[in-house]
N, C-alpha and C. Protein backbone atom coordinates (compact mmCIF):
# COMPACT_ATOMS: atom_id res chain seq x y z
N UNK A 1 0.87 -1.15 0.02
CA UNK A 1 -0.03 -0.05 0.03
C UNK A 1 0.95 1.21 0.02
N UNK A 2 0.53 2.15 -0.71
CA UNK A 2 1.33 3.48 -0.85
C UNK A 2 1.21 4.11 0.48
N UNK A 3 2.16 4.96 0.93
CA UNK A 3 2.24 5.54 2.18
C UNK A 3 0.91 6.65 2.34
N UNK A 4 0.53 7.11 1.17
CA UNK A 4 -0.62 8.08 1.36
C UNK A 4 -2.10 7.47 1.19
N UNK A 5 -2.07 6.18 1.10
CA UNK A 5 -3.37 5.51 1.15
C UNK A 5 -4.10 5.25 2.37
N UNK A 6 -5.42 5.52 2.51
CA UNK A 6 -5.98 5.19 3.67
C UNK A 6 -6.79 3.92 3.66
N UNK A 7 -7.07 3.14 4.71
CA UNK A 7 -7.75 1.95 4.63
C UNK A 7 -8.56 2.07 5.98
N UNK A 8 -9.64 0.99 5.93
CA UNK A 8 -10.59 1.02 7.07
C UNK A 8 -9.83 0.37 8.10
N UNK A 9 -10.06 0.72 9.42
CA UNK A 9 -9.62 0.26 10.77
C UNK A 9 -10.66 -0.10 11.61
N UNK A 10 -10.72 -1.44 11.91
CA UNK A 10 -11.99 -1.87 12.86
C UNK A 10 -11.74 -1.11 14.17
N UNK A 11 -13.01 -0.81 14.70
CA UNK A 11 -13.07 -0.22 16.10
C UNK A 11 -12.17 -0.98 17.05
N UNK A 12 -11.56 -0.27 17.98
CA UNK A 12 -10.90 -1.05 19.03
C UNK A 12 -11.84 -1.94 19.95
N UNK A 13 -11.31 -3.21 20.05
CA UNK A 13 -12.32 -4.09 20.93
C UNK A 13 -12.17 -3.65 22.34
N UNK A 14 -13.27 -4.01 23.12
CA UNK A 14 -13.24 -3.80 24.53
C UNK A 14 -13.30 -5.14 25.22
N UNK A 15 -12.85 -5.12 26.55
CA UNK A 15 -12.76 -6.40 27.22
C UNK A 15 -13.26 -6.20 28.64
N UNK A 16 -14.13 -7.18 29.16
CA UNK A 16 -14.60 -7.26 30.44
C UNK A 16 -13.45 -7.62 31.37
N UNK A 17 -12.48 -8.38 31.05
CA UNK A 17 -11.42 -8.75 31.86
C UNK A 17 -10.07 -8.11 31.10
N UNK A 18 -9.07 -7.82 31.81
CA UNK A 18 -7.95 -7.23 31.19
C UNK A 18 -7.19 -8.27 30.33
N UNK A 19 -6.51 -7.72 29.48
CA UNK A 19 -5.56 -8.62 28.50
C UNK A 19 -4.27 -8.32 28.84
N UNK A 20 -3.41 -9.41 28.54
CA UNK A 20 -1.99 -9.33 28.70
C UNK A 20 -1.37 -9.82 27.45
N UNK A 21 -0.49 -9.06 26.71
CA UNK A 21 0.23 -9.49 25.63
C UNK A 21 1.80 -9.43 25.86
N UNK A 22 2.40 -10.38 25.03
CA UNK A 22 3.82 -10.29 25.08
C UNK A 22 4.10 -9.69 23.64
N UNK A 23 4.91 -8.57 23.65
CA UNK A 23 5.57 -8.08 22.61
C UNK A 23 6.94 -8.67 22.26
N UNK A 24 7.14 -9.38 21.10
CA UNK A 24 8.48 -9.92 20.83
C UNK A 24 9.00 -9.23 19.68
N UNK A 25 10.24 -8.53 19.90
CA UNK A 25 10.74 -7.76 18.98
C UNK A 25 12.20 -8.13 18.55
N UNK A 26 12.58 -8.04 17.39
CA UNK A 26 13.93 -8.29 16.85
C UNK A 26 14.43 -6.87 16.59
N UNK A 27 15.23 -6.38 17.35
CA UNK A 27 15.71 -4.94 17.10
C UNK A 27 16.99 -4.76 16.26
N UNK A 28 17.02 -5.54 15.23
CA UNK A 28 18.08 -5.54 14.21
C UNK A 28 18.35 -4.09 13.78
N UNK A 29 17.14 -3.49 13.37
CA UNK A 29 17.18 -2.07 13.17
C UNK A 29 16.53 -1.30 14.17
N UNK A 30 17.36 -1.00 15.15
CA UNK A 30 16.85 -0.46 16.45
C UNK A 30 15.86 0.61 16.36
N UNK A 31 16.28 1.66 15.47
CA UNK A 31 15.33 2.88 15.26
C UNK A 31 14.09 2.47 14.78
N UNK A 32 13.93 1.60 13.82
CA UNK A 32 12.78 1.01 13.34
C UNK A 32 11.92 0.36 14.29
N UNK A 33 12.60 -0.54 15.07
CA UNK A 33 12.06 -1.35 16.14
C UNK A 33 11.43 -0.49 17.21
N UNK A 34 12.14 0.53 17.60
CA UNK A 34 11.54 1.48 18.62
C UNK A 34 10.36 1.99 18.19
N UNK A 35 10.30 2.54 16.85
CA UNK A 35 8.89 2.97 16.48
C UNK A 35 7.74 2.02 16.63
N UNK A 36 8.09 0.70 16.04
CA UNK A 36 7.08 -0.24 16.00
C UNK A 36 6.66 -0.65 17.50
N UNK A 37 7.54 -0.77 18.36
CA UNK A 37 7.18 -0.96 19.79
C UNK A 37 6.38 0.08 20.39
N UNK A 38 6.63 1.29 20.21
CA UNK A 38 5.94 2.47 20.69
C UNK A 38 4.45 2.31 20.17
N UNK A 39 4.36 2.19 18.95
CA UNK A 39 2.89 1.93 18.43
C UNK A 39 2.26 0.75 19.19
N UNK A 40 2.92 -0.37 19.22
CA UNK A 40 2.29 -1.47 19.89
C UNK A 40 1.87 -1.25 21.38
N UNK A 41 2.82 -0.67 22.05
CA UNK A 41 2.47 -0.39 23.52
C UNK A 41 1.38 0.51 23.69
N UNK A 42 1.19 1.62 22.77
CA UNK A 42 0.20 2.62 22.92
C UNK A 42 -1.12 1.91 22.63
N UNK A 43 -1.27 1.00 21.63
CA UNK A 43 -2.55 0.37 21.15
C UNK A 43 -2.95 -0.58 22.31
N UNK A 44 -2.09 -1.30 22.84
CA UNK A 44 -2.52 -2.27 23.91
C UNK A 44 -2.87 -1.51 25.16
N UNK A 45 -2.33 -0.38 25.49
CA UNK A 45 -2.68 0.32 26.66
C UNK A 45 -3.94 1.08 26.44
N UNK A 46 -4.13 1.69 25.18
CA UNK A 46 -5.37 2.23 24.71
C UNK A 46 -6.67 1.24 24.98
N UNK A 47 -6.36 -0.01 24.77
CA UNK A 47 -7.51 -1.16 25.10
C UNK A 47 -7.48 -1.53 26.52
N UNK A 48 -6.75 -0.91 27.39
CA UNK A 48 -6.82 -1.21 28.81
C UNK A 48 -5.94 -2.48 29.07
N UNK A 49 -5.12 -2.85 28.14
CA UNK A 49 -4.32 -4.11 28.39
C UNK A 49 -2.94 -3.72 28.96
N UNK A 50 -2.26 -4.93 29.32
CA UNK A 50 -0.95 -4.61 29.75
C UNK A 50 -0.03 -5.45 28.85
N UNK A 51 1.33 -5.29 28.95
CA UNK A 51 2.25 -6.05 28.12
C UNK A 51 3.55 -6.28 28.71
N UNK A 52 4.27 -7.17 28.27
CA UNK A 52 5.68 -7.52 28.63
C UNK A 52 6.53 -7.41 27.23
N UNK A 53 7.67 -7.16 27.27
CA UNK A 53 8.54 -7.07 26.09
C UNK A 53 9.64 -7.97 26.15
N UNK A 54 9.96 -8.69 25.10
CA UNK A 54 11.40 -9.33 25.05
C UNK A 54 11.97 -9.12 23.69
N UNK A 55 13.35 -9.11 23.53
CA UNK A 55 13.92 -8.95 22.41
C UNK A 55 14.57 -10.22 21.91
N UNK A 56 14.74 -10.48 20.76
CA UNK A 56 15.44 -11.60 20.14
C UNK A 56 16.38 -11.12 19.09
N UNK A 57 17.25 -11.89 18.73
CA UNK A 57 18.27 -11.34 17.67
C UNK A 57 17.75 -11.02 16.34
N UNK A 58 16.84 -11.86 15.90
CA UNK A 58 16.34 -11.47 14.38
C UNK A 58 14.90 -11.93 14.38
N UNK A 59 14.42 -11.73 13.00
CA UNK A 59 12.91 -11.93 12.79
C UNK A 59 12.80 -13.57 12.81
N UNK A 60 13.69 -14.44 12.48
CA UNK A 60 13.65 -15.92 12.54
C UNK A 60 13.32 -16.29 13.93
N UNK A 61 13.81 -15.69 14.91
CA UNK A 61 13.66 -16.09 16.32
C UNK A 61 12.46 -15.68 16.89
N UNK A 62 11.75 -14.59 16.27
CA UNK A 62 10.43 -14.15 16.93
C UNK A 62 9.45 -15.32 17.11
N UNK A 63 9.11 -16.02 15.99
CA UNK A 63 8.17 -17.19 16.21
C UNK A 63 8.50 -18.29 17.36
N UNK A 64 10.02 -18.60 17.56
CA UNK A 64 10.41 -19.43 18.52
C UNK A 64 10.15 -18.81 19.82
N UNK A 65 10.38 -17.63 20.05
CA UNK A 65 10.21 -17.16 21.30
C UNK A 65 8.83 -17.13 21.76
N UNK A 66 7.96 -16.79 20.81
CA UNK A 66 6.45 -16.94 20.97
C UNK A 66 6.07 -18.41 21.43
N UNK A 67 6.71 -19.38 20.71
CA UNK A 67 6.17 -20.81 21.06
C UNK A 67 6.75 -21.09 22.44
N UNK A 68 7.84 -20.72 22.83
CA UNK A 68 8.60 -20.94 24.11
C UNK A 68 7.62 -20.34 25.19
N UNK A 69 7.26 -19.07 24.87
CA UNK A 69 6.37 -18.29 25.94
C UNK A 69 5.10 -18.96 26.01
N UNK A 70 4.44 -19.50 24.81
CA UNK A 70 3.13 -19.90 25.06
C UNK A 70 3.08 -21.36 25.93
N UNK A 71 4.33 -22.09 25.97
CA UNK A 71 4.45 -23.22 26.80
C UNK A 71 4.61 -22.88 28.35
N UNK A 72 5.20 -21.69 28.44
CA UNK A 72 5.84 -21.34 29.90
C UNK A 72 5.09 -20.15 30.61
N UNK A 73 4.07 -19.49 29.75
CA UNK A 73 3.56 -18.27 30.37
C UNK A 73 2.05 -18.33 30.21
N UNK A 74 1.41 -17.17 30.65
CA UNK A 74 -0.03 -17.09 30.42
C UNK A 74 -0.47 -15.84 29.87
N UNK A 75 0.18 -15.55 28.48
CA UNK A 75 -0.31 -14.36 27.92
C UNK A 75 -1.59 -14.66 27.08
N UNK A 76 -2.19 -13.67 26.86
CA UNK A 76 -3.51 -13.83 25.88
C UNK A 76 -3.21 -13.69 24.55
N UNK A 77 -2.13 -12.89 24.22
CA UNK A 77 -1.78 -12.84 22.72
C UNK A 77 -0.22 -12.31 22.65
N UNK A 78 0.12 -12.19 21.40
CA UNK A 78 1.45 -11.95 21.09
C UNK A 78 1.57 -10.83 19.98
N UNK A 79 2.46 -9.98 20.00
CA UNK A 79 2.72 -8.99 18.94
C UNK A 79 4.06 -9.32 18.53
N UNK A 80 4.31 -9.65 17.12
CA UNK A 80 5.56 -10.04 16.54
C UNK A 80 6.01 -8.73 15.76
N UNK A 81 7.18 -8.22 16.19
CA UNK A 81 7.70 -7.02 15.58
C UNK A 81 9.20 -7.22 15.03
N UNK A 82 9.51 -6.52 14.01
CA UNK A 82 10.91 -6.53 13.50
C UNK A 82 10.84 -5.86 12.12
N UNK A 83 11.89 -5.97 11.44
CA UNK A 83 12.10 -5.51 9.99
C UNK A 83 13.10 -6.25 9.32
N UNK A 84 12.81 -6.66 8.05
CA UNK A 84 13.69 -7.29 7.07
C UNK A 84 13.63 -6.51 5.89
N UNK A 85 15.09 -6.02 5.67
CA UNK A 85 15.29 -5.08 4.44
C UNK A 85 15.95 -5.97 3.46
N UNK A 86 15.53 -5.94 2.15
CA UNK A 86 16.11 -6.68 1.20
C UNK A 86 17.53 -6.41 0.89
N UNK A 87 18.31 -7.31 0.86
CA UNK A 87 19.69 -7.22 0.55
C UNK A 87 20.18 -7.72 -0.91
N UNK A 88 21.27 -8.30 -1.04
CA UNK A 88 21.79 -8.66 -2.26
C UNK A 88 21.70 -10.24 -2.51
N UNK A 89 21.17 -10.87 -1.50
CA UNK A 89 21.06 -12.30 -1.56
C UNK A 89 19.64 -12.79 -1.33
N UNK A 90 19.45 -14.06 -1.45
CA UNK A 90 18.11 -14.55 -1.21
C UNK A 90 17.73 -14.91 0.22
N UNK A 91 18.69 -14.45 1.16
CA UNK A 91 18.42 -14.58 2.47
C UNK A 91 17.12 -13.91 2.84
N UNK A 92 16.90 -12.73 2.33
CA UNK A 92 15.77 -11.99 2.62
C UNK A 92 14.46 -12.85 2.38
N UNK A 93 14.45 -13.45 1.22
CA UNK A 93 13.25 -14.43 1.03
C UNK A 93 12.97 -15.48 2.12
N UNK A 94 14.07 -16.00 2.57
CA UNK A 94 13.96 -17.10 3.59
C UNK A 94 13.64 -16.40 4.81
N UNK A 95 14.17 -15.31 5.29
CA UNK A 95 13.69 -14.82 6.39
C UNK A 95 12.23 -14.25 6.54
N UNK A 96 11.85 -13.61 5.35
CA UNK A 96 10.50 -13.15 5.22
C UNK A 96 9.38 -14.42 5.23
N UNK A 97 9.77 -15.28 4.39
CA UNK A 97 8.84 -16.43 4.24
C UNK A 97 8.65 -17.34 5.54
N UNK A 98 9.94 -17.68 6.00
CA UNK A 98 9.87 -18.57 7.28
C UNK A 98 9.28 -17.95 8.52
N UNK A 99 9.53 -16.74 8.73
CA UNK A 99 8.98 -16.10 9.92
C UNK A 99 7.46 -15.98 9.80
N UNK A 100 7.10 -15.46 8.67
CA UNK A 100 5.66 -15.34 8.47
C UNK A 100 4.87 -16.68 8.46
N UNK A 101 5.47 -17.70 7.84
CA UNK A 101 4.78 -18.93 7.89
C UNK A 101 4.74 -19.48 9.33
N UNK A 102 5.77 -19.37 10.09
CA UNK A 102 5.67 -19.96 11.37
C UNK A 102 4.76 -19.21 12.35
N UNK A 103 4.55 -17.86 12.07
CA UNK A 103 3.65 -17.24 12.89
C UNK A 103 2.16 -17.55 12.34
N UNK A 104 1.97 -17.71 11.26
CA UNK A 104 0.77 -18.15 10.61
C UNK A 104 0.38 -19.48 11.18
N UNK A 105 1.30 -20.34 11.10
CA UNK A 105 0.94 -21.83 11.68
C UNK A 105 0.55 -21.80 13.22
N UNK A 106 1.23 -20.97 13.93
CA UNK A 106 0.91 -20.79 15.34
C UNK A 106 -0.39 -20.13 15.52
N UNK A 107 -0.67 -19.21 14.59
CA UNK A 107 -2.27 -18.71 14.71
C UNK A 107 -3.20 -19.64 14.39
N UNK A 108 -2.89 -20.44 13.41
CA UNK A 108 -3.87 -21.68 12.86
C UNK A 108 -4.03 -22.49 13.99
N UNK A 109 -3.14 -22.79 14.97
CA UNK A 109 -3.25 -23.55 16.20
C UNK A 109 -4.03 -22.81 17.30
N UNK A 110 -4.34 -21.67 17.12
CA UNK A 110 -5.16 -20.90 18.23
C UNK A 110 -4.43 -19.82 18.93
N UNK A 111 -3.21 -19.47 18.58
CA UNK A 111 -2.54 -18.43 19.19
C UNK A 111 -2.98 -17.24 18.64
N UNK A 112 -3.24 -16.16 19.50
CA UNK A 112 -3.58 -14.69 18.92
C UNK A 112 -2.38 -13.94 18.72
N UNK A 113 -1.98 -13.88 17.48
CA UNK A 113 -0.77 -13.18 17.09
C UNK A 113 -0.88 -12.08 16.03
N UNK A 114 -0.46 -10.98 16.33
CA UNK A 114 -0.40 -9.86 15.45
C UNK A 114 1.03 -9.75 14.89
N UNK A 115 1.08 -9.85 13.46
CA UNK A 115 2.40 -9.99 12.67
C UNK A 115 2.83 -8.39 12.28
N UNK A 116 3.63 -7.83 13.02
CA UNK A 116 4.25 -6.58 12.61
C UNK A 116 5.74 -6.64 12.12
N UNK A 117 6.13 -7.72 11.47
CA UNK A 117 7.36 -7.79 11.14
C UNK A 117 7.42 -7.23 9.62
N UNK A 118 7.88 -6.12 9.42
CA UNK A 118 7.91 -5.45 8.18
C UNK A 118 8.97 -6.16 7.13
N UNK A 119 8.56 -6.22 5.88
CA UNK A 119 9.40 -6.72 4.98
C UNK A 119 9.50 -5.86 3.81
N UNK A 120 10.45 -5.07 3.58
CA UNK A 120 10.57 -3.88 2.66
C UNK A 120 11.78 -3.93 1.79
N UNK A 121 11.92 -3.13 0.93
CA UNK A 121 13.04 -2.84 0.07
C UNK A 121 14.13 -2.04 0.45
N UNK A 122 13.71 -1.10 1.38
CA UNK A 122 14.74 -0.16 1.94
C UNK A 122 14.38 0.54 3.16
N UNK A 123 15.36 1.17 3.75
CA UNK A 123 15.02 1.74 5.19
C UNK A 123 13.98 2.90 5.19
N UNK A 124 13.88 3.63 3.92
CA UNK A 124 12.88 4.76 4.03
C UNK A 124 11.47 4.03 4.02
N UNK A 125 11.20 2.88 3.16
CA UNK A 125 9.90 2.34 3.42
C UNK A 125 9.74 1.75 4.77
N UNK A 126 10.67 1.25 5.43
CA UNK A 126 10.49 0.77 6.72
C UNK A 126 10.00 1.97 7.71
N UNK A 127 10.77 3.08 7.68
CA UNK A 127 10.36 4.16 8.57
C UNK A 127 9.06 4.82 8.35
N UNK A 128 8.54 4.73 7.01
CA UNK A 128 7.26 5.29 6.71
C UNK A 128 6.27 4.23 7.38
N UNK A 129 6.48 3.00 7.40
CA UNK A 129 5.49 1.98 7.88
C UNK A 129 5.67 1.95 9.41
N UNK A 130 6.88 2.10 9.95
CA UNK A 130 7.02 1.92 11.48
C UNK A 130 6.62 3.02 12.36
N UNK A 131 6.67 4.23 11.78
CA UNK A 131 6.40 5.48 12.48
C UNK A 131 5.02 5.36 13.20
N UNK A 132 5.04 5.49 14.48
CA UNK A 132 3.86 5.37 15.23
C UNK A 132 2.84 6.44 15.04
N UNK A 133 3.31 7.70 14.52
CA UNK A 133 2.45 8.73 14.07
C UNK A 133 2.07 8.72 12.53
N UNK A 134 2.63 7.68 11.94
CA UNK A 134 2.28 7.54 10.48
C UNK A 134 1.53 6.32 10.26
N UNK A 135 2.02 5.30 9.47
CA UNK A 135 1.27 4.04 9.13
C UNK A 135 1.14 3.27 10.34
N UNK A 136 2.07 3.27 11.33
CA UNK A 136 1.92 2.68 12.79
C UNK A 136 1.61 1.16 12.53
N UNK A 137 2.49 0.52 11.87
CA UNK A 137 2.41 -0.96 11.62
C UNK A 137 2.49 -1.68 12.96
N UNK A 138 3.37 -1.21 13.96
CA UNK A 138 3.35 -1.88 15.22
C UNK A 138 2.02 -1.67 15.94
N UNK A 139 1.43 -0.56 15.95
CA UNK A 139 -0.02 -0.39 16.44
C UNK A 139 -1.01 -1.28 15.87
N UNK A 140 -0.83 -1.43 14.49
CA UNK A 140 -1.79 -2.31 13.72
C UNK A 140 -1.54 -3.77 14.10
N UNK A 141 -0.32 -4.19 14.37
CA UNK A 141 -0.15 -5.58 14.85
C UNK A 141 -0.80 -5.83 16.18
N UNK A 142 -0.45 -4.92 17.06
CA UNK A 142 -1.19 -5.05 18.38
C UNK A 142 -2.59 -5.11 18.23
N UNK A 143 -3.34 -4.22 17.45
CA UNK A 143 -4.71 -4.27 17.07
C UNK A 143 -5.27 -5.54 16.64
N UNK A 144 -4.38 -6.17 15.79
CA UNK A 144 -4.80 -7.56 15.21
C UNK A 144 -4.80 -8.45 16.33
N UNK A 145 -3.71 -8.53 17.22
CA UNK A 145 -3.74 -9.45 18.34
C UNK A 145 -4.92 -9.28 19.26
N UNK A 146 -5.34 -7.91 19.49
CA UNK A 146 -6.40 -7.62 20.37
C UNK A 146 -7.74 -8.16 19.88
N UNK A 147 -7.80 -8.03 18.49
CA UNK A 147 -9.16 -8.45 17.88
C UNK A 147 -9.20 -9.93 17.90
N UNK A 148 -8.17 -10.62 17.81
CA UNK A 148 -8.14 -12.11 17.82
C UNK A 148 -8.42 -12.56 19.31
N UNK A 149 -8.02 -11.83 20.21
CA UNK A 149 -8.17 -12.22 21.53
C UNK A 149 -9.62 -12.00 21.95
N UNK A 150 -10.21 -10.86 21.55
CA UNK A 150 -11.77 -10.55 21.61
C UNK A 150 -12.44 -11.70 20.92
N UNK A 151 -12.09 -12.08 19.85
CA UNK A 151 -12.94 -13.17 19.00
C UNK A 151 -12.80 -14.54 20.05
N UNK A 152 -11.73 -14.88 20.42
CA UNK A 152 -11.33 -16.09 21.14
C UNK A 152 -12.30 -16.04 22.46
N UNK A 153 -12.33 -14.80 23.09
CA UNK A 153 -13.05 -14.81 24.37
C UNK A 153 -14.59 -14.90 24.05
N UNK A 154 -14.95 -14.33 22.90
CA UNK A 154 -16.32 -14.26 22.48
C UNK A 154 -16.92 -15.71 22.20
N UNK A 155 -16.10 -16.48 21.73
CA UNK A 155 -16.40 -17.88 21.39
C UNK A 155 -15.88 -18.83 22.36
N UNK A 156 -15.53 -18.55 23.52
CA UNK A 156 -15.33 -19.37 24.54
C UNK A 156 -13.97 -20.00 24.64
N UNK A 157 -12.94 -19.61 24.01
CA UNK A 157 -11.49 -19.88 24.22
C UNK A 157 -11.36 -21.32 23.35
N UNK A 158 -10.20 -21.96 23.59
CA UNK A 158 -9.83 -23.25 22.82
C UNK A 158 -10.69 -24.36 23.27
N UNK A 159 -11.03 -25.05 22.21
CA UNK A 159 -11.68 -26.33 22.40
C UNK A 159 -10.61 -27.47 22.62
N UNK A 160 -11.18 -28.52 23.37
CA UNK A 160 -10.23 -29.65 23.52
C UNK A 160 -10.02 -30.72 22.53
N UNK A 161 -11.00 -30.71 21.65
CA UNK A 161 -10.97 -31.78 20.58
C UNK A 161 -10.80 -31.11 19.25
N UNK A 162 -10.91 -31.90 18.24
CA UNK A 162 -10.72 -31.45 16.85
C UNK A 162 -12.04 -31.56 16.03
N UNK A 163 -13.16 -31.50 16.73
CA UNK A 163 -14.51 -31.41 15.98
C UNK A 163 -15.20 -32.92 15.88
N UNK A 164 -14.69 -33.87 16.52
CA UNK A 164 -15.38 -35.10 16.48
C UNK A 164 -15.06 -35.93 17.79
N UNK A 165 -15.95 -36.83 18.00
CA UNK A 165 -15.76 -37.54 19.32
C UNK A 165 -15.80 -39.00 18.90
N UNK A 166 -14.85 -39.79 19.50
CA UNK A 166 -14.93 -41.26 19.18
C UNK A 166 -16.14 -41.85 19.91
N UNK A 167 -16.45 -42.97 19.23
CA UNK A 167 -17.66 -43.72 19.89
C UNK A 167 -17.19 -44.23 21.03
N UNK A 168 -18.16 -44.66 21.86
CA UNK A 168 -17.86 -45.25 23.06
C UNK A 168 -17.27 -46.68 22.95
N UNK A 169 -17.53 -47.29 21.74
CA UNK A 169 -16.96 -48.60 21.66
C UNK A 169 -15.90 -48.70 20.49
N UNK A 170 -14.79 -48.39 21.04
CA UNK A 170 -13.52 -48.44 20.12
C UNK A 170 -12.31 -49.05 21.00
N UNK A 171 -11.37 -49.44 20.13
CA UNK A 171 -10.16 -49.87 20.67
C UNK A 171 -8.97 -49.29 20.26
N UNK A 172 -7.95 -49.15 20.98
CA UNK A 172 -6.67 -48.66 20.66
C UNK A 172 -5.81 -49.66 19.72
N UNK A 173 -5.23 -49.26 18.65
CA UNK A 173 -4.52 -50.07 17.72
C UNK A 173 -3.51 -50.89 18.63
N UNK A 174 -3.71 -52.33 18.42
CA UNK A 174 -2.74 -53.27 19.15
C UNK A 174 -3.16 -53.76 20.34
N UNK A 175 -4.42 -53.15 20.86
CA UNK A 175 -5.10 -53.65 22.12
C UNK A 175 -5.89 -54.85 21.90
N UNK A 176 -5.71 -55.90 22.72
CA UNK A 176 -6.70 -57.05 22.63
C UNK A 176 -7.74 -56.82 23.35
N UNK A 177 -8.72 -57.60 22.87
CA UNK A 177 -10.12 -57.42 23.66
C UNK A 177 -10.07 -58.27 24.89
N UNK A 178 -10.85 -57.88 25.96
CA UNK A 178 -10.80 -58.59 27.22
C UNK A 178 -11.66 -59.73 27.25
């Protein structure tokens, strides 16, 4: 999207119970990361939520940190932040595709994740998108996570099965009948 284009933004969700999010940022480009984080913090606080923040070396480590946190902590959602700027090799494609795919797969497993990892051609593009008084992609990623949390709470959270129940008359493979 061009820097001067406007798009529709969903109204900020409201919560009966407070929300807590983990912001995971790769500060490889610190100035850009600082803008992304400022936008994310402001959006979470505006929704009445709280946040913790951790830093990881690069965009590829963001999904791993979220997966570790999901096993070890009690966050309602996650905000993934960072910036990948195209260089002279195909490493850019690997980092962009793999970090995005990992975040998407965790989302499909029920985690509420807003993806604010910028994938751009140059630093100027990154600054336009990161500036929390401009396009505010950090705030947008936090808003996405907040909306997913609201949706999860509305529909009662995670389910324990995958949509079917085994009949009462079944045997485990290799089991002999009594």
